[in-house]
C-alpha cells in the first residue's frame, strides 16, 4: 500500500471570547491507499476538527499549524484554486447528520451531480445522469431515488446519498465523520457495510471517525484514540480493542456492553467525570483526573506518544515498553 494522507504535528486552535481553545494538539497520522484508519474518542476530543482540517474546512477563527499532506501536497498552505480542485475529486468528506448537510429544496440526484459538473464540465447531461444512477446503486439505493428530496428518504438512505456524493468524482481519500450518528443499529450496520465494501472495491483510503470503539475495531485496519485534542494510543485495530495499553482506551472499550456477557448487562462499565475543558487542561497527563492508575507523577509532565509494543504507541507513563 502507498501513502495517501500524512498528518504531521497538526495543531488547531480556535479564537473564542473566552480565549484560545486548542481543539487539536500535535497530531500525527497516516492513511494508506485501501486502508481504513479509525479515529475514536468522546465528544469534544477533537475528532471532527481533525476531519474538517484534512480538507481545510475549519472556520476562519481557527489557527492551524503543522502539515496535512494529501498525495504529498500540503492542504494547510495550498492555494485556493488547488484546494478547490482537491475537494471532492482528490479527497471528500461524509458529514454526520445528512439531513442538515443536504439541501432540503433540491433533489438528491442534483446534489450528487453537482461535484461532477463542477470538476468535469465537459461531461454531458446524459452521462452525468448515468453516473448518478450508478452511484446510487453502488450504495444500495435504486437509481430512481435520484428524483427524491431529502425529506422523502429515511435517515439511512440520506446517509447513503452522502456517501454517493462523496464518491461522485472518484476521490482517493474519503473522510467519514461519524456517518452513522442517530441511526438505529440495523441501519448503522448497513451503512458501515457499504463503506467497507467500497474501500475493498475501489481501493480508496478511509478515515472513519466514531465514538464507538467496537465499530472501529470491526471496520478498521488501525485505530488512533484521541483525548484532550491529542492521540493517546495508536495501533492495529484488533490489538488495540482486545488488549488496550492506555487506561482511557480500556475505559472507552468497556463502556459498550457486549452481547451475551451477563457482567456487562447488569453492571455496565463507565468512566467517572467529564472530558477536560480544552482551555483549562489539567497539568501533566490530561487524563489523570479520571484515570484509575493516576498518581502524583502523572501531573508532572504530559507524556509523549511513544512506541510501547511493536506497532503500538501510547502516551502513558504507566505503560512500559517491551
Protein backbone atom coordinates (compact mmCIF):
# COMPACT_ATOMS: atom_id res chain seq x y z
CA UNK A 1 0.00 0.00 0.00
CA UNK A 2 1.20 3.53 -0.81
CA UNK A 3 0.81 6.51 1.49
CA UNK A 4 -2.21 8.70 0.73
CA UNK A 5 -2.58 11.00 3.74
CA UNK A 6 0.10 12.11 6.19
CA UNK A 7 -0.68 14.42 9.09
CA UNK A 8 2.40 15.81 10.86
CA UNK A 9 2.39 17.85 14.07
CA UNK A 10 -1.11 19.19 13.40
CA UNK A 11 -2.50 21.67 15.92
CA UNK A 12 -5.76 23.63 15.57
CA UNK A 13 -6.67 26.45 17.96
CA UNK A 14 -9.94 28.41 17.81
CA UNK A 15 -10.26 32.06 18.83
CA UNK A 16 -13.17 32.47 21.24
CA UNK A 17 -14.49 35.22 23.51
CA UNK A 18 -13.23 33.22 26.48
CA UNK A 19 -9.76 32.90 25.00
CA UNK A 20 -7.83 30.44 22.78
CA UNK A 21 -9.33 26.94 22.56
CA UNK A 22 -6.79 24.27 21.50
CA UNK A 23 -9.02 21.66 19.80
CA UNK A 24 -6.26 19.53 18.23
CA UNK A 25 -2.74 19.31 19.62
CA UNK A 26 0.29 17.93 17.80
CA UNK A 27 -1.41 15.04 15.98
CA UNK A 28 0.46 12.66 13.66
CA UNK A 29 -1.49 10.20 11.49
CA UNK A 30 -1.01 8.23 8.26
CA UNK A 31 -3.61 6.67 5.94
CA UNK A 32 -2.53 4.38 3.10
CA UNK A 33 -4.47 3.56 -0.06
CA UNK A 34 -7.01 0.82 0.51
CA UNK A 35 -6.71 1.22 4.29
CA UNK A 36 -9.30 2.14 6.92
CA UNK A 37 -7.94 4.19 9.81
CA UNK A 38 -10.35 4.74 12.69
CA UNK A 39 -10.27 7.77 14.99
CA UNK A 40 -12.04 7.25 18.32
CA UNK A 41 -12.82 9.34 21.37
CA UNK A 42 -15.51 11.11 23.37
CA UNK A 43 -17.31 14.23 22.22
CA UNK A 44 -15.01 17.23 22.42
CA UNK A 45 -11.78 15.30 21.96
CA UNK A 46 -11.00 16.91 18.58
CA UNK A 47 -12.17 14.22 16.13
CA UNK A 48 -14.41 16.43 13.98
CA UNK A 49 -11.89 19.28 13.95
CA UNK A 50 -9.28 16.81 12.72
CA UNK A 51 -11.69 15.62 9.99
CA UNK A 52 -12.53 19.13 8.78
CA UNK A 53 -8.88 20.19 8.72
CA UNK A 54 -7.99 17.42 6.25
CA UNK A 55 -9.97 19.39 3.65
CA UNK A 56 -9.35 22.81 5.26
CA UNK A 57 -12.99 23.27 6.17
CA UNK A 58 -12.32 24.79 9.58
CA UNK A 59 -13.80 28.27 10.28
CA UNK A 60 -11.84 31.50 9.92
CA UNK A 61 -11.45 31.64 13.70
CA UNK A 62 -9.08 28.65 13.58
CA UNK A 63 -5.30 28.86 13.59
CA UNK A 64 -3.65 25.78 12.03
CA UNK A 65 -0.04 24.70 12.35
CA UNK A 66 1.63 21.53 11.12
CA UNK A 67 1.16 19.66 7.85
CA UNK A 68 -1.73 17.81 6.16
CA UNK A 69 -0.23 16.08 3.13
CA UNK A 70 -2.67 14.56 0.61
CA UNK A 71 -0.68 12.76 -2.08
CA UNK A 72 2.30 14.83 -0.97
CA UNK A 73 0.60 18.25 -1.28
CA UNK A 74 0.13 20.28 1.91
CA UNK A 75 -3.53 21.26 2.33
CA UNK A 76 -2.63 23.80 5.05
CA UNK A 77 -0.60 26.01 2.68
CA UNK A 78 -2.35 25.09 -0.58
CA UNK A 79 -3.58 27.89 -2.86
CA UNK A 80 -7.35 28.31 -3.11
CA UNK A 81 -7.54 27.10 -6.71
CA UNK A 82 -5.61 23.93 -5.92
CA UNK A 83 -7.70 23.35 -2.80
CA UNK A 84 -10.91 23.71 -4.79
CA UNK A 85 -9.61 21.16 -7.29
CA UNK A 86 -8.70 18.75 -4.48
CA UNK A 87 -12.07 18.79 -2.74
CA UNK A 88 -14.43 16.05 -3.99
CA UNK A 89 -12.01 14.99 -6.75
CA UNK A 90 -8.94 14.07 -4.67
CA UNK A 91 -10.47 13.88 -1.20
CA UNK A 92 -14.05 14.11 0.05
CA UNK A 93 -15.95 14.05 3.32
CA UNK A 94 -19.12 12.39 4.61
CA UNK A 95 -20.55 14.66 7.30
CA UNK A 96 -22.51 13.46 10.31
CA UNK A 97 -26.18 14.39 10.18
CA UNK A 98 -27.07 14.08 6.48
CA UNK A 99 -30.40 15.89 6.96
CA UNK A 100 -28.52 19.07 7.88
CA UNK A 101 -25.87 18.60 5.18
CA UNK A 102 -28.17 18.06 2.21
CA UNK A 103 -30.08 20.92 0.56
CA UNK A 104 -33.73 20.44 1.50
CA UNK A 105 -35.14 22.05 -1.67
CA UNK A 106 -33.04 20.20 -4.25
CA UNK A 107 -33.45 16.62 -5.43
CA UNK A 108 -30.69 14.31 -4.21
CA UNK A 109 -29.69 13.43 -7.77
CA UNK A 110 -28.96 17.10 -8.47
CA UNK A 111 -26.81 17.29 -5.36
CA UNK A 112 -24.82 14.18 -6.28
CA UNK A 113 -24.36 15.58 -9.80
CA UNK A 114 -23.07 18.95 -8.58
CA UNK A 115 -19.44 17.94 -7.88
CA UNK A 116 -19.33 16.04 -11.20
CA UNK A 117 -20.46 19.13 -13.10
CA UNK A 118 -18.01 21.30 -11.16
CA UNK A 119 -14.93 19.14 -11.71
CA UNK A 120 -15.82 17.64 -15.10
CA UNK A 121 -17.67 20.39 -17.01
CA UNK A 122 -17.26 18.62 -20.36
CA UNK A 123 -19.38 15.61 -19.28
CA UNK A 124 -22.81 15.56 -20.97
CA UNK A 125 -26.07 15.70 -19.05
CA UNK A 126 -26.86 12.15 -20.12
CA UNK A 127 -23.52 10.88 -18.81
CA UNK A 128 -23.97 12.76 -15.53
CA UNK A 129 -27.41 11.18 -15.09
CA UNK A 130 -26.00 7.73 -15.80
CA UNK A 131 -23.20 8.19 -13.26
CA UNK A 132 -25.62 9.46 -10.61
CA UNK A 133 -27.75 6.34 -11.10
CA UNK A 134 -24.67 4.10 -10.85
CA UNK A 135 -23.52 5.86 -7.67
CA UNK A 136 -26.90 5.37 -6.02
CA UNK A 137 -26.92 1.68 -6.94
CA UNK A 138 -23.34 1.41 -5.68
CA UNK A 139 -24.51 2.45 -2.20
CA UNK A 140 -27.55 0.18 -2.28
CA UNK A 141 -30.28 2.57 -3.48
CA UNK A 142 -32.34 2.31 -6.68
CA UNK A 143 -31.38 4.88 -9.31
CA UNK A 144 -34.98 6.16 -9.24
CA UNK A 145 -34.29 7.75 -5.83
CA UNK A 146 -32.34 10.46 -7.66
CA UNK A 147 -35.65 12.33 -8.04
CA UNK A 148 -36.40 12.27 -4.31
CA UNK A 149 -35.98 15.19 -1.93
CA UNK A 150 -34.04 14.60 1.30
CA UNK A 151 -37.17 14.64 3.47
CA UNK A 152 -38.60 11.77 1.41
CA UNK A 153 -35.75 9.47 2.42
CA UNK A 154 -35.05 7.66 5.67
CA UNK A 155 -32.02 8.51 7.80
CA UNK A 156 -30.06 5.56 6.43
CA UNK A 157 -30.96 6.42 2.85
CA UNK A 158 -29.86 10.03 3.31
CA UNK A 159 -26.55 8.84 4.70
CA UNK A 160 -26.11 6.59 1.64
CA UNK A 161 -26.75 9.64 -0.56
CA UNK A 162 -23.97 11.46 1.30
CA UNK A 163 -21.63 8.53 0.61
CA UNK A 164 -22.64 8.52 -3.08
CA UNK A 165 -21.91 12.26 -3.25
CA UNK A 166 -18.52 11.74 -1.61
CA UNK A 167 -17.65 9.16 -4.30
CA UNK A 168 -19.03 11.17 -7.23
CA UNK A 169 -15.64 12.30 -8.55
CA UNK A 170 -13.78 9.10 -7.68
CA UNK A 171 -11.58 10.52 -4.87
CA UNK A 172 -8.63 8.61 -3.46
CA UNK A 173 -9.39 9.63 0.13
CA UNK A 174 -12.72 9.71 2.00
CA UNK A 175 -13.15 11.16 5.49
CA UNK A 176 -16.29 9.86 7.22
CA UNK A 177 -17.15 11.94 10.30
CA UNK A 178 -19.43 9.75 12.44
CA UNK A 179 -21.51 8.69 9.40
CA UNK A 180 -23.89 6.55 11.49
CA UNK A 181 -24.83 9.15 14.13
CA UNK A 182 -28.56 8.96 15.10
CA UNK A 183 -29.15 5.82 13.02
CA UNK A 184 -30.57 2.65 14.53
CA UNK A 185 -28.31 -0.37 14.93
CA UNK A 186 -29.52 -2.23 11.83
CA UNK A 187 -29.15 0.82 9.58
CA UNK A 188 -25.74 1.54 11.10
CA UNK A 189 -24.60 -1.92 10.08
CA UNK A 190 -25.90 -1.42 6.53
CA UNK A 191 -24.15 1.96 6.11
CA UNK A 192 -20.89 0.60 7.50
CA UNK A 193 -21.12 -2.42 5.19
CA UNK A 194 -21.47 -0.02 2.26
CA UNK A 195 -18.35 1.89 3.32
CA UNK A 196 -16.35 -1.28 3.93
CA UNK A 197 -17.34 -2.73 0.57
CA UNK A 198 -16.41 0.45 -1.28
CA UNK A 199 -12.96 0.53 0.30
CA UNK A 200 -12.33 -3.04 -0.87
CA UNK A 201 -13.86 -2.49 -4.30
CA UNK A 202 -12.40 0.93 -5.14
CA UNK A 203 -9.20 0.88 -3.07
CA UNK A 204 -9.83 4.30 -1.52
CA UNK A 205 -8.28 5.32 1.78
CA UNK A 206 -10.85 5.89 4.51
CA UNK A 207 -10.54 7.87 7.74
CA UNK A 208 -13.50 6.72 9.82
CA UNK A 209 -14.37 8.78 12.88
CA UNK A 210 -16.57 7.44 15.66
CA UNK A 211 -17.02 7.42 19.44
CA UNK A 212 -17.79 3.68 19.24
CA UNK A 213 -14.54 1.75 19.60
CA UNK A 214 -16.26 -1.58 18.87
CA UNK A 215 -17.47 -0.33 15.47
CA UNK A 216 -13.99 0.90 14.59
CA UNK A 217 -12.41 -2.38 15.72
CA UNK A 218 -14.65 -4.24 13.27
CA UNK A 219 -14.13 -1.81 10.37
CA UNK A 220 -10.57 -0.51 10.66
CA UNK A 221 -7.07 -1.70 9.96
CA UNK A 222 -5.61 0.73 12.51
CA UNK A 223 -7.12 2.96 15.20
CA UNK A 224 -5.99 6.22 16.78
CA UNK A 225 -7.63 7.14 20.10
CA UNK A 226 -7.91 10.84 20.96
CA UNK A 227 -8.28 12.55 24.30
CA UNK A 228 -7.94 16.24 25.11
CA UNK A 229 -7.07 17.04 21.48
CA UNK A 230 -4.17 14.55 21.31
CA UNK A 231 -3.70 11.00 20.06
CA UNK A 232 -3.04 9.00 23.22
CA UNK A 233 -2.89 5.50 21.69
CA UNK A 234 -2.45 4.12 18.20
CA UNK A 235 -2.06 0.65 16.74
CA UNK A 236 -3.63 -2.28 14.83
CA UNK A 237 -7.40 -2.31 15.39
CA UNK A 238 -7.75 -5.86 16.70
CA UNK A 239 -4.89 -5.49 19.20
CA UNK A 240 -5.97 -2.06 20.40
CA UNK A 241 -9.54 -3.25 21.07
CA UNK A 242 -8.73 -6.58 22.74
CA UNK A 243 -5.63 -5.52 24.68
CA UNK A 244 -5.56 -1.72 25.09
CA UNK A 245 -2.45 -0.15 26.56
CA UNK A 246 -3.76 3.24 27.67
CA UNK A 247 -6.26 3.29 30.59
CA UNK A 248 -8.54 5.61 28.61
CA UNK A 249 -8.69 3.21 25.66
CA UNK A 250 -9.60 0.40 28.05
CA UNK A 251 -12.37 2.52 29.61
CA UNK A 252 -13.69 3.57 26.20
CA UNK A 253 -13.91 -0.05 25.03
CA UNK A 254 -15.53 -1.21 28.29
CA UNK A 255 -18.24 1.45 28.09
CA UNK A 256 -20.10 -0.55 25.42
CA UNK A 257 -21.90 -3.67 26.70
CA UNK A 258 -21.05 -6.93 24.99
CA UNK A 259 -23.90 -9.12 23.78
CA UNK A 260 -24.12 -12.31 25.83
CA UNK A 261 -21.95 -11.01 28.65
CA UNK A 262 -24.02 -11.01 31.88
CA UNK A 263 -21.49 -8.83 33.67
CA UNK A 264 -21.76 -6.13 31.01
CA UNK A 265 -25.57 -6.35 31.10
CA UNK A 266 -26.09 -5.98 34.83
CA UNK A 267 -23.07 -3.85 35.71
CA UNK A 268 -22.09 -1.81 32.65
CA UNK A 269 -18.68 -0.24 32.95
CA UNK A 270 -18.32 3.51 32.74
CA UNK A 271 -15.86 6.29 33.27
CA UNK A 272 -16.43 8.84 36.01
CA UNK A 273 -16.13 12.54 35.30
CA UNK A 274 -16.18 14.53 32.08
CA UNK A 275 -13.62 15.24 29.36
CA UNK A 276 -11.44 18.26 30.21
CA UNK A 277 -12.18 21.78 29.01
CA UNK A 278 -9.56 22.39 26.26
CA UNK A 279 -8.99 25.88 27.69
CA UNK A 280 -8.19 24.52 31.16
CA UNK A 281 -6.33 21.26 30.66
CA UNK A 282 -5.00 19.74 33.88
CA UNK A 283 -1.22 19.72 34.38
CA UNK A 284 0.71 16.72 33.13
CA UNK A 285 -1.40 13.97 31.58
CA UNK A 286 -4.80 15.46 30.69
CA UNK A 287 -6.48 12.13 31.57
CA UNK A 288 -5.04 11.73 35.06
CA UNK A 289 -8.04 13.24 36.99
CA UNK A 290 -10.24 10.40 35.64
CA UNK A 291 -7.58 7.69 35.41
CA UNK A 292 -7.80 4.66 37.73
CA UNK A 293 -3.99 4.44 37.62
CA UNK A 294 -3.38 8.17 38.11
CA UNK A 295 -0.79 9.28 40.65
CA UNK A 296 1.24 12.36 41.58
CA UNK A 297 3.89 11.61 38.96
CA UNK A 298 1.21 11.86 36.23
CA UNK A 299 0.84 15.59 36.98
CA UNK A 300 4.48 16.48 36.36
CA UNK A 301 4.68 16.43 32.55
CA UNK A 302 2.46 15.49 29.62
CA UNK A 303 3.59 12.07 28.37
CA UNK A 304 4.73 11.71 24.77
CA UNK A 305 3.15 9.26 22.34
CA UNK A 306 5.86 6.59 22.30
CA UNK A 307 6.29 3.12 20.87
CA UNK A 308 5.46 0.64 23.67
CA UNK A 309 4.98 -2.55 21.65
CA UNK A 310 5.65 -3.45 18.01
CA UNK A 311 3.27 -1.20 16.01
CA UNK A 312 1.67 0.05 19.28
CA UNK A 313 2.13 3.56 20.63
CA UNK A 314 0.72 5.05 23.84
CA UNK A 315 1.08 8.30 25.77
CA UNK A 316 1.15 6.96 29.33
CA UNK A 317 4.00 6.68 31.83
CA UNK A 318 2.26 3.71 33.47
CA UNK A 319 2.73 1.63 30.32
CA UNK A 320 6.24 0.26 29.97
CA UNK A 321 7.92 -0.67 26.72
CA UNK A 322 8.50 -4.32 25.93
